[in-house]
């Protein structure tokens, strides 16, 4: 049954609605919603568009938010390539994105003023100058990380246990979780359902994680956390039908961070 999940048949075109919430110490800090179109153009190539991005149920309102949205629009559509196991490999249209930025930058510089604007523009300029930096920044978001899990590698392992590194904190090194995959089940609608569960096994302290440090010596894990994922796959083409994910993290001081991510189909063309 595992092999049915992994046999993606191209081409296909899917439309989803996504909702991501982040809670800190039981209080919701941010809610992000957007629409996503994913087209599998060839065996390893995907075209991705993100539209109608709302933050806390509102369109960008503040000047800095509008500027961030304009810069973010450079990355839609995004053309990506995966490796054979389904893991993201690279952004294919990065050259086009850089050229679009060169055209957009003078217009933004003329319209938007202020120190915050200059810092954001400078940060964007620096990131686009580094292929690795911009690819890591984009491809390591929860949306891309969860949609492009390398299921072929994970599910073909005999014990089905694996390590998964998740972007718990924006722009920081990912946090390690040890994951176990249950046997896939057939749903009443004919989809395949797969559940993943696990716990945080990162041995770094919170300070090391937040400062992008590695453990300097052998140490026991001081942070804790759990994950609970549920995937459904379309049997007709092997594509993802829906994702329901909950990630929990707690540091040594018992401060908590919980991330919920839901992806549901709008269209199944």
C-alpha atoms as a PDB file:
ATOM      1  CA  UNK A   1       0.000   0.000   0.000  1.00  0.00           C
ATOM      2  CA  UNK A   2       2.927   2.362   0.629  1.00  0.00           C
ATOM      3  CA  UNK A   3       3.880   2.303  -3.029  1.00  0.00           C
ATOM      4  CA  UNK A   4       0.476   3.669  -4.037  1.00  0.00           C
ATOM      5  CA  UNK A   5       1.213   6.831  -2.063  1.00  0.00           C
ATOM      6  CA  UNK A   6       4.511   7.366  -3.805  1.00  0.00           C
ATOM      7  CA  UNK A   7       3.452   6.874  -7.419  1.00  0.00           C
ATOM      8  CA  UNK A   8       2.770  10.460  -8.434  1.00  0.00           C
ATOM      9  CA  UNK A   9       1.393  10.651 -11.957  1.00  0.00           C
ATOM     10  CA  UNK A  10       1.858  13.830 -13.963  1.00  0.00           C
ATOM     11  CA  UNK A  11       0.627  16.208 -15.031  1.00  0.00           C
ATOM     12  CA  UNK A  12      -1.813  17.342 -12.359  1.00  0.00           C
ATOM     13  CA  UNK A  13      -3.144  20.658 -11.133  1.00  0.00           C
ATOM     14  CA  UNK A  14      -4.373  21.178  -7.555  1.00  0.00           C
ATOM     15  CA  UNK A  15      -5.800  24.149  -5.685  1.00  0.00           C
ATOM     16  CA  UNK A  16      -5.701  24.404  -1.892  1.00  0.00           C
ATOM     17  CA  UNK A  17      -6.649  26.675   0.942  1.00  0.00           C
ATOM     18  CA  UNK A  18      -3.989  26.916   3.672  1.00  0.00           C
ATOM     19  CA  UNK A  19      -4.240  28.090   7.279  1.00  0.00           C
ATOM     20  CA  UNK A  20      -1.270  28.396   9.633  1.00  0.00           C
ATOM     21  CA  UNK A  21      -1.507  29.595  13.229  1.00  0.00           C
ATOM     22  CA  UNK A  22       1.255  30.139  15.758  1.00  0.00           C
ATOM     23  CA  UNK A  23       0.525  30.137  19.511  1.00  0.00           C
ATOM     24  CA  UNK A  24       2.998  31.136  22.202  1.00  0.00           C
ATOM     25  CA  UNK A  25       2.245  30.145  25.798  1.00  0.00           C
ATOM     26  CA  UNK A  26      -1.362  29.431  24.840  1.00  0.00           C
ATOM     27  CA  UNK A  27      -1.975  32.765  23.104  1.00  0.00           C
ATOM     28  CA  UNK A  28      -2.377  33.047  19.347  1.00  0.00           C
ATOM     29  CA  UNK A  29       0.321  35.301  17.930  1.00  0.00           C
ATOM     30  CA  UNK A  30      -0.330  35.119  14.206  1.00  0.00           C
ATOM     31  CA  UNK A  31      -2.679  33.535  11.712  1.00  0.00           C
ATOM     32  CA  UNK A  32      -1.734  33.290   8.043  1.00  0.00           C
ATOM     33  CA  UNK A  33      -4.119  32.153   5.317  1.00  0.00           C
ATOM     34  CA  UNK A  34      -3.531  31.857   1.581  1.00  0.00           C
ATOM     35  CA  UNK A  35      -4.576  30.035  -1.567  1.00  0.00           C
ATOM     36  CA  UNK A  36      -2.073  27.795  -3.319  1.00  0.00           C
ATOM     37  CA  UNK A  37      -2.054  26.376  -6.833  1.00  0.00           C
ATOM     38  CA  UNK A  38       0.310  23.479  -7.471  1.00  0.00           C
ATOM     39  CA  UNK A  39       0.877  22.144 -10.953  1.00  0.00           C
ATOM     40  CA  UNK A  40       3.062  19.130 -11.574  1.00  0.00           C
ATOM     41  CA  UNK A  41       4.508  20.036 -14.945  1.00  0.00           C
ATOM     42  CA  UNK A  42       6.860  17.067 -15.376  1.00  0.00           C
ATOM     43  CA  UNK A  43       8.279  14.186 -13.384  1.00  0.00           C
ATOM     44  CA  UNK A  44      10.341  16.381 -11.023  1.00  0.00           C
ATOM     45  CA  UNK A  45       9.075  19.915 -11.803  1.00  0.00           C
ATOM     46  CA  UNK A  46       6.299  21.870 -10.053  1.00  0.00           C
ATOM     47  CA  UNK A  47       4.862  25.341 -10.635  1.00  0.00           C
ATOM     48  CA  UNK A  48       3.477  26.971  -7.475  1.00  0.00           C
ATOM     49  CA  UNK A  49       1.400  30.115  -7.052  1.00  0.00           C
ATOM     50  CA  UNK A  50       0.329  31.654  -3.746  1.00  0.00           C
ATOM     51  CA  UNK A  51      -2.510  34.171  -3.728  1.00  0.00           C
ATOM     52  CA  UNK A  52      -4.872  35.996  -1.346  1.00  0.00           C
ATOM     53  CA  UNK A  53      -2.380  36.041   1.517  1.00  0.00           C
ATOM     54  CA  UNK A  54      -3.999  37.343   4.709  1.00  0.00           C
ATOM     55  CA  UNK A  55      -2.356  37.976   8.070  1.00  0.00           C
ATOM     56  CA  UNK A  56      -4.729  37.770  11.023  1.00  0.00           C
ATOM     57  CA  UNK A  57      -7.608  37.757   8.510  1.00  0.00           C
ATOM     58  CA  UNK A  58      -6.540  41.098   7.016  1.00  0.00           C
ATOM     59  CA  UNK A  59      -4.842  42.094   3.800  1.00  0.00           C
ATOM     60  CA  UNK A  60      -1.531  43.975   4.201  1.00  0.00           C
ATOM     61  CA  UNK A  61      -2.438  47.381   5.619  1.00  0.00           C
ATOM     62  CA  UNK A  62       0.605  49.096   7.074  1.00  0.00           C
ATOM     63  CA  UNK A  63       3.120  50.538   4.653  1.00  0.00           C
ATOM     64  CA  UNK A  64       5.813  48.060   5.708  1.00  0.00           C
ATOM     65  CA  UNK A  65       3.343  45.182   5.253  1.00  0.00           C
ATOM     66  CA  UNK A  66       2.466  46.384   1.756  1.00  0.00           C
ATOM     67  CA  UNK A  67       6.143  46.591   0.874  1.00  0.00           C
ATOM     68  CA  UNK A  68       6.739  43.080   2.207  1.00  0.00           C
ATOM     69  CA  UNK A  69       3.788  41.824   0.150  1.00  0.00           C
ATOM     70  CA  UNK A  70       5.164  43.402  -3.030  1.00  0.00           C
ATOM     71  CA  UNK A  71       8.545  41.796  -2.430  1.00  0.00           C
ATOM     72  CA  UNK A  72       6.864  38.473  -1.646  1.00  0.00           C
ATOM     73  CA  UNK A  73       5.005  38.589  -4.958  1.00  0.00           C
ATOM     74  CA  UNK A  74       8.348  38.138  -6.707  1.00  0.00           C
ATOM     75  CA  UNK A  75       8.250  34.486  -5.642  1.00  0.00           C
ATOM     76  CA  UNK A  76       4.933  33.639  -7.269  1.00  0.00           C
ATOM     77  CA  UNK A  77       4.893  31.742  -9.463  1.00  0.00           C
ATOM     78  CA  UNK A  78       7.705  29.617  -8.098  1.00  0.00           C
ATOM     79  CA  UNK A  79       9.170  26.815 -10.196  1.00  0.00           C
ATOM     80  CA  UNK A  80      10.776  24.071  -8.128  1.00  0.00           C
ATOM     81  CA  UNK A  81      12.509  20.797  -8.798  1.00  0.00           C
ATOM     82  CA  UNK A  82      12.399  17.754  -6.520  1.00  0.00           C
ATOM     83  CA  UNK A  83      14.762  14.844  -6.149  1.00  0.00           C
ATOM     84  CA  UNK A  84      13.566  11.332  -6.919  1.00  0.00           C
ATOM     85  CA  UNK A  85      12.297  10.766  -3.373  1.00  0.00           C
ATOM     86  CA  UNK A  86      10.092  13.882  -3.525  1.00  0.00           C
ATOM     87  CA  UNK A  87      12.259  16.187  -1.402  1.00  0.00           C
ATOM     88  CA  UNK A  88      12.740  19.749  -2.662  1.00  0.00           C
ATOM     89  CA  UNK A  89      15.988  20.181  -4.556  1.00  0.00           C
ATOM     90  CA  UNK A  90      16.086  23.715  -5.943  1.00  0.00           C
ATOM     91  CA  UNK A  91      14.222  26.768  -7.213  1.00  0.00           C
ATOM     92  CA  UNK A  92      14.389  26.672 -11.012  1.00  0.00           C
ATOM     93  CA  UNK A  93      13.319  30.221 -11.858  1.00  0.00           C
ATOM     94  CA  UNK A  94      15.617  32.012  -9.414  1.00  0.00           C
ATOM     95  CA  UNK A  95      17.270  33.938 -12.258  1.00  0.00           C
ATOM     96  CA  UNK A  96      13.876  35.288 -13.352  1.00  0.00           C
ATOM     97  CA  UNK A  97      13.111  36.296  -9.742  1.00  0.00           C
ATOM     98  CA  UNK A  98      16.391  38.200  -9.471  1.00  0.00           C
ATOM     99  CA  UNK A  99      15.720  39.991 -12.771  1.00  0.00           C
ATOM    100  CA  UNK A 100      12.218  40.919 -11.600  1.00  0.00           C
ATOM    101  CA  UNK A 101      13.708  42.349  -8.407  1.00  0.00           C
ATOM    102  CA  UNK A 102      16.110  44.499 -10.427  1.00  0.00           C
ATOM    103  CA  UNK A 103      13.135  45.965 -12.293  1.00  0.00           C
ATOM    104  CA  UNK A 104      11.001  46.422  -9.176  1.00  0.00           C
ATOM    105  CA  UNK A 105      13.646  47.859  -6.845  1.00  0.00           C
ATOM    106  CA  UNK A 106      13.882  51.378  -8.377  1.00  0.00           C
ATOM    107  CA  UNK A 107      10.099  51.786  -8.267  1.00  0.00           C
ATOM    108  CA  UNK A 108       9.923  50.675  -4.627  1.00  0.00           C
ATOM    109  CA  UNK A 109      12.847  52.908  -3.640  1.00  0.00           C
ATOM    110  CA  UNK A 110      11.081  55.889  -5.180  1.00  0.00           C
ATOM    111  CA  UNK A 111       7.733  55.196  -3.509  1.00  0.00           C
ATOM    112  CA  UNK A 112       8.725  53.821  -0.087  1.00  0.00           C
ATOM    113  CA  UNK A 113      10.894  55.832   2.300  1.00  0.00           C
ATOM    114  CA  UNK A 114      12.162  55.423   5.873  1.00  0.00           C
ATOM    115  CA  UNK A 115      14.738  53.374   7.789  1.00  0.00           C
ATOM    116  CA  UNK A 116      12.556  50.260   8.074  1.00  0.00           C
ATOM    117  CA  UNK A 117      12.001  50.293   4.332  1.00  0.00           C
ATOM    118  CA  UNK A 118      15.726  50.681   3.660  1.00  0.00           C
ATOM    119  CA  UNK A 119      16.552  47.745   5.953  1.00  0.00           C
ATOM    120  CA  UNK A 120      13.968  45.523   4.278  1.00  0.00           C
ATOM    121  CA  UNK A 121      15.175  46.491   0.813  1.00  0.00           C
ATOM    122  CA  UNK A 122      18.810  45.908   1.826  1.00  0.00           C
ATOM    123  CA  UNK A 123      17.948  42.536   3.378  1.00  0.00           C
ATOM    124  CA  UNK A 124      16.138  41.455   0.210  1.00  0.00           C
ATOM    125  CA  UNK A 125      19.073  42.592  -1.928  1.00  0.00           C
ATOM    126  CA  UNK A 126      21.531  40.578   0.177  1.00  0.00           C
ATOM    127  CA  UNK A 127      19.395  37.457   0.193  1.00  0.00           C
ATOM    128  CA  UNK A 128      18.817  37.498  -3.550  1.00  0.00           C
ATOM    129  CA  UNK A 129      22.567  37.755  -3.973  1.00  0.00           C
ATOM    130  CA  UNK A 130      22.985  34.326  -2.361  1.00  0.00           C
ATOM    131  CA  UNK A 131      21.337  31.370  -4.072  1.00  0.00           C
ATOM    132  CA  UNK A 132      21.633  29.151  -0.993  1.00  0.00           C
ATOM    133  CA  UNK A 133      20.247  31.795   1.372  1.00  0.00           C
ATOM    134  CA  UNK A 134      17.147  32.577  -0.649  1.00  0.00           C
ATOM    135  CA  UNK A 135      16.435  28.919  -1.420  1.00  0.00           C
ATOM    136  CA  UNK A 136      16.689  27.999   2.250  1.00  0.00           C
ATOM    137  CA  UNK A 137      14.496  30.951   3.251  1.00  0.00           C
ATOM    138  CA  UNK A 138      11.705  30.040   0.812  1.00  0.00           C
ATOM    139  CA  UNK A 139      11.848  26.267   0.706  1.00  0.00           C
ATOM    140  CA  UNK A 140      12.101  25.825   4.479  1.00  0.00           C
ATOM    141  CA  UNK A 141       8.723  27.413   5.219  1.00  0.00           C
ATOM    142  CA  UNK A 142       6.109  25.073   6.700  1.00  0.00           C
ATOM    143  CA  UNK A 143       4.083  25.006   3.506  1.00  0.00           C
ATOM    144  CA  UNK A 144       6.958  23.738   1.364  1.00  0.00           C
ATOM    145  CA  UNK A 145       8.477  21.577   4.107  1.00  0.00           C
ATOM    146  CA  UNK A 146       5.238  19.665   4.716  1.00  0.00           C
ATOM    147  CA  UNK A 147       4.023  19.434   1.128  1.00  0.00           C
ATOM    148  CA  UNK A 148       7.315  18.075  -0.189  1.00  0.00           C
ATOM    149  CA  UNK A 149       8.226  15.501   2.443  1.00  0.00           C
ATOM    150  CA  UNK A 150      10.355  12.724   0.885  1.00  0.00           C
ATOM    151  CA  UNK A 151       7.823   9.976   1.555  1.00  0.00           C
ATOM    152  CA  UNK A 152       9.600   7.498  -0.692  1.00  0.00           C
ATOM    153  CA  UNK A 153      12.637   7.459   1.577  1.00  0.00           C
ATOM    154  CA  UNK A 154      10.684   7.512   4.822  1.00  0.00           C
ATOM    155  CA  UNK A 155       8.052   4.896   4.075  1.00  0.00           C
ATOM    156  CA  UNK A 156      10.308   2.404   2.352  1.00  0.00           C
ATOM    157  CA  UNK A 157      12.428   2.056   5.459  1.00  0.00           C
ATOM    158  CA  UNK A 158      11.658  -1.188   7.232  1.00  0.00           C
ATOM    159  CA  UNK A 159      11.084   0.342  10.684  1.00  0.00           C
ATOM    160  CA  UNK A 160       9.460   3.522   9.275  1.00  0.00           C
ATOM    161  CA  UNK A 161      11.192   5.721  11.886  1.00  0.00           C
ATOM    162  CA  UNK A 162      13.072   8.802  10.707  1.00  0.00           C
ATOM    163  CA  UNK A 163      14.310  12.229  11.768  1.00  0.00           C
ATOM    164  CA  UNK A 164      12.449  15.293  10.532  1.00  0.00           C
ATOM    165  CA  UNK A 165      13.850  18.833  10.859  1.00  0.00           C
ATOM    166  CA  UNK A 166      11.173  21.514  11.189  1.00  0.00           C
ATOM    167  CA  UNK A 167      11.340  25.358  11.015  1.00  0.00           C
ATOM    168  CA  UNK A 168       9.871  26.009  14.463  1.00  0.00           C
ATOM    169  CA  UNK A 169      11.352  29.513  14.621  1.00  0.00           C
ATOM    170  CA  UNK A 170      11.488  31.718  11.495  1.00  0.00           C
ATOM    171  CA  UNK A 171      14.943  32.170   9.945  1.00  0.00           C
ATOM    172  CA  UNK A 172      16.587  29.860  12.500  1.00  0.00           C
ATOM    173  CA  UNK A 173      18.083  26.408  12.126  1.00  0.00           C
ATOM    174  CA  UNK A 174      15.436  23.711  12.053  1.00  0.00           C
ATOM    175  CA  UNK A 175      14.611  21.624  15.126  1.00  0.00           C
ATOM    176  CA  UNK A 176      14.929  17.828  15.074  1.00  0.00           C
ATOM    177  CA  UNK A 177      11.980  15.543  15.761  1.00  0.00           C
ATOM    178  CA  UNK A 178      12.015  11.741  15.747  1.00  0.00           C
ATOM    179  CA  UNK A 179       9.037  10.499  13.732  1.00  0.00           C
ATOM    180  CA  UNK A 180       7.198   7.195  13.369  1.00  0.00           C
ATOM    181  CA  UNK A 181       4.821   6.482  10.485  1.00  0.00           C
ATOM    182  CA  UNK A 182       1.734   4.312  10.988  1.00  0.00           C
ATOM    183  CA  UNK A 183       0.418   1.942   8.351  1.00  0.00           C
ATOM    184  CA  UNK A 184      -1.566   3.848   5.688  1.00  0.00           C
ATOM    185  CA  UNK A 185      -5.337   3.396   5.807  1.00  0.00           C
ATOM    186  CA  UNK A 186      -8.010   3.609   3.145  1.00  0.00           C
ATOM    187  CA  UNK A 187     -10.642   6.291   3.789  1.00  0.00           C
ATOM    188  CA  UNK A 188     -14.351   6.009   3.004  1.00  0.00           C
ATOM    189  CA  UNK A 189     -13.838   8.247  -0.025  1.00  0.00           C
ATOM    190  CA  UNK A 190     -11.074   6.066  -1.432  1.00  0.00           C
ATOM    191  CA  UNK A 191      -8.125   8.241  -0.407  1.00  0.00           C
ATOM    192  CA  UNK A 192      -5.098   6.931   1.447  1.00  0.00           C
ATOM    193  CA  UNK A 193      -4.587   8.298   4.970  1.00  0.00           C
ATOM    194  CA  UNK A 194      -1.183   8.367   6.635  1.00  0.00           C
ATOM    195  CA  UNK A 195      -0.504   9.398  10.235  1.00  0.00           C
ATOM    196  CA  UNK A 196       2.884  10.519  11.519  1.00  0.00           C
ATOM    197  CA  UNK A 197       3.696  11.113  15.181  1.00  0.00           C
ATOM    198  CA  UNK A 198       6.837  11.850  17.122  1.00  0.00           C
ATOM    199  CA  UNK A 199       8.726  13.894  19.677  1.00  0.00           C
ATOM    200  CA  UNK A 200      11.469  16.505  19.813  1.00  0.00           C
ATOM    201  CA  UNK A 201      14.918  14.876  20.083  1.00  0.00           C
ATOM    202  CA  UNK A 202      17.058  17.959  19.477  1.00  0.00           C
ATOM    203  CA  UNK A 203      19.865  18.014  22.045  1.00  0.00           C
ATOM    204  CA  UNK A 204      20.476  21.757  21.808  1.00  0.00           C
ATOM    205  CA  UNK A 205      19.284  24.231  24.406  1.00  0.00           C
ATOM    206  CA  UNK A 206      16.771  26.917  23.451  1.00  0.00           C
ATOM    207  CA  UNK A 207      19.573  29.511  23.408  1.00  0.00           C
ATOM    208  CA  UNK A 208      21.579  27.365  21.001  1.00  0.00           C
ATOM    209  CA  UNK A 209      18.554  26.850  18.748  1.00  0.00           C
ATOM    210  CA  UNK A 210      17.534  30.501  18.620  1.00  0.00           C
ATOM    211  CA  UNK A 211      21.136  31.580  17.934  1.00  0.00           C
ATOM    212  CA  UNK A 212      21.717  28.984  15.210  1.00  0.00           C
ATOM    213  CA  UNK A 213      24.362  27.190  17.280  1.00  0.00           C
ATOM    214  CA  UNK A 214      25.290  23.520  17.308  1.00  0.00           C
ATOM    215  CA  UNK A 215      25.769  21.487  20.479  1.00  0.00           C
ATOM    216  CA  UNK A 216      29.382  21.932  21.599  1.00  0.00           C
ATOM    217  CA  UNK A 217      29.468  18.673  23.526  1.00  0.00           C
ATOM    218  CA  UNK A 218      27.397  15.570  24.089  1.00  0.00           C
ATOM    219  CA  UNK A 219      24.363  16.640  26.088  1.00  0.00           C
ATOM    220  CA  UNK A 220      20.875  15.444  26.877  1.00  0.00           C
ATOM    221  CA  UNK A 221      17.855  17.103  25.326  1.00  0.00           C
ATOM    222  CA  UNK A 222      16.598  19.972  27.485  1.00  0.00           C
ATOM    223  CA  UNK A 223      13.727  20.991  25.204  1.00  0.00           C
ATOM    224  CA  UNK A 224      10.686  18.858  24.486  1.00  0.00           C
ATOM    225  CA  UNK A 225       7.798  18.648  22.060  1.00  0.00           C
ATOM    226  CA  UNK A 226       5.544  16.468  19.951  1.00  0.00           C
ATOM    227  CA  UNK A 227       4.175  16.378  16.425  1.00  0.00           C
ATOM    228  CA  UNK A 228       0.965  14.914  15.052  1.00  0.00           C
ATOM    229  CA  UNK A 229       0.500  14.855  11.259  1.00  0.00           C
ATOM    230  CA  UNK A 230      -2.303  13.435   9.162  1.00  0.00           C
ATOM    231  CA  UNK A 231      -1.975  13.258   5.380  1.00  0.00           C
ATOM    232  CA  UNK A 232      -4.501  12.162   2.782  1.00  0.00           C
ATOM    233  CA  UNK A 233      -3.405  11.241  -0.726  1.00  0.00           C
ATOM    234  CA  UNK A 234      -5.372  11.028  -3.967  1.00  0.00           C
ATOM    235  CA  UNK A 235      -5.039   7.459  -5.229  1.00  0.00           C
ATOM    236  CA  UNK A 236      -5.723   8.496  -8.826  1.00  0.00           C
ATOM    237  CA  UNK A 237      -2.532  10.532  -9.227  1.00  0.00           C
ATOM    238  CA  UNK A 238      -0.602  10.150  -5.943  1.00  0.00           C
ATOM    239  CA  UNK A 239      -0.910  13.845  -5.082  1.00  0.00           C
ATOM    240  CA  UNK A 240      -1.574  15.201  -1.601  1.00  0.00           C
ATOM    241  CA  UNK A 241      -5.284  15.698  -0.940  1.00  0.00           C
ATOM    242  CA  UNK A 242      -5.003  17.339   2.493  1.00  0.00           C
ATOM    243  CA  UNK A 243      -2.627  17.959   5.403  1.00  0.00           C
ATOM    244  CA  UNK A 244      -3.485  18.442   9.063  1.00  0.00           C
ATOM    245  CA  UNK A 245      -0.387  19.092  11.178  1.00  0.00           C
ATOM    246  CA  UNK A 246       0.228  20.133  14.774  1.00  0.00           C
ATOM    247  CA  UNK A 247       3.716  20.841  16.105  1.00  0.00           C
ATOM    248  CA  UNK A 248       4.443  21.531  19.773  1.00  0.00           C
ATOM    249  CA  UNK A 249       7.707  22.798  21.276  1.00  0.00           C
ATOM    250  CA  UNK A 250       8.644  23.612  24.888  1.00  0.00           C
ATOM    251  CA  UNK A 251      11.911  25.094  26.124  1.00  0.00           C
ATOM    252  CA  UNK A 252      13.689  24.623  29.448  1.00  0.00           C
ATOM    253  CA  UNK A 253      11.695  27.437  31.054  1.00  0.00           C
ATOM    254  CA  UNK A 254       8.385  25.766  30.053  1.00  0.00           C
ATOM    255  CA  UNK A 255       7.666  28.418  27.427  1.00  0.00           C
ATOM    256  CA  UNK A 256       5.640  26.838  24.659  1.00  0.00           C
ATOM    257  CA  UNK A 257       5.176  27.315  20.930  1.00  0.00           C
ATOM    258  CA  UNK A 258       2.466  25.498  18.977  1.00  0.00           C
ATOM    259  CA  UNK A 259       2.071  25.597  15.226  1.00  0.00           C
ATOM    260  CA  UNK A 260      -1.019  24.331  13.425  1.00  0.00           C
ATOM    261  CA  UNK A 261      -1.007  23.933   9.666  1.00  0.00           C
ATOM    262  CA  UNK A 262      -3.978  22.854   7.561  1.00  0.00           C
ATOM    263  CA  UNK A 263      -4.107  22.360   3.802  1.00  0.00           C
ATOM    264  CA  UNK A 264      -7.440  21.452   2.201  1.00  0.00           C
ATOM    265  CA  UNK A 265      -8.489  21.088  -1.428  1.00  0.00           C
ATOM    266  CA  UNK A 266     -10.448  23.756  -3.257  1.00  0.00           C
ATOM    267  CA  UNK A 267     -10.301  22.054  -6.628  1.00  0.00           C
ATOM    268  CA  UNK A 268      -9.114  18.607  -7.729  1.00  0.00           C
ATOM    269  CA  UNK A 269      -8.651  19.112 -11.465  1.00  0.00           C
END
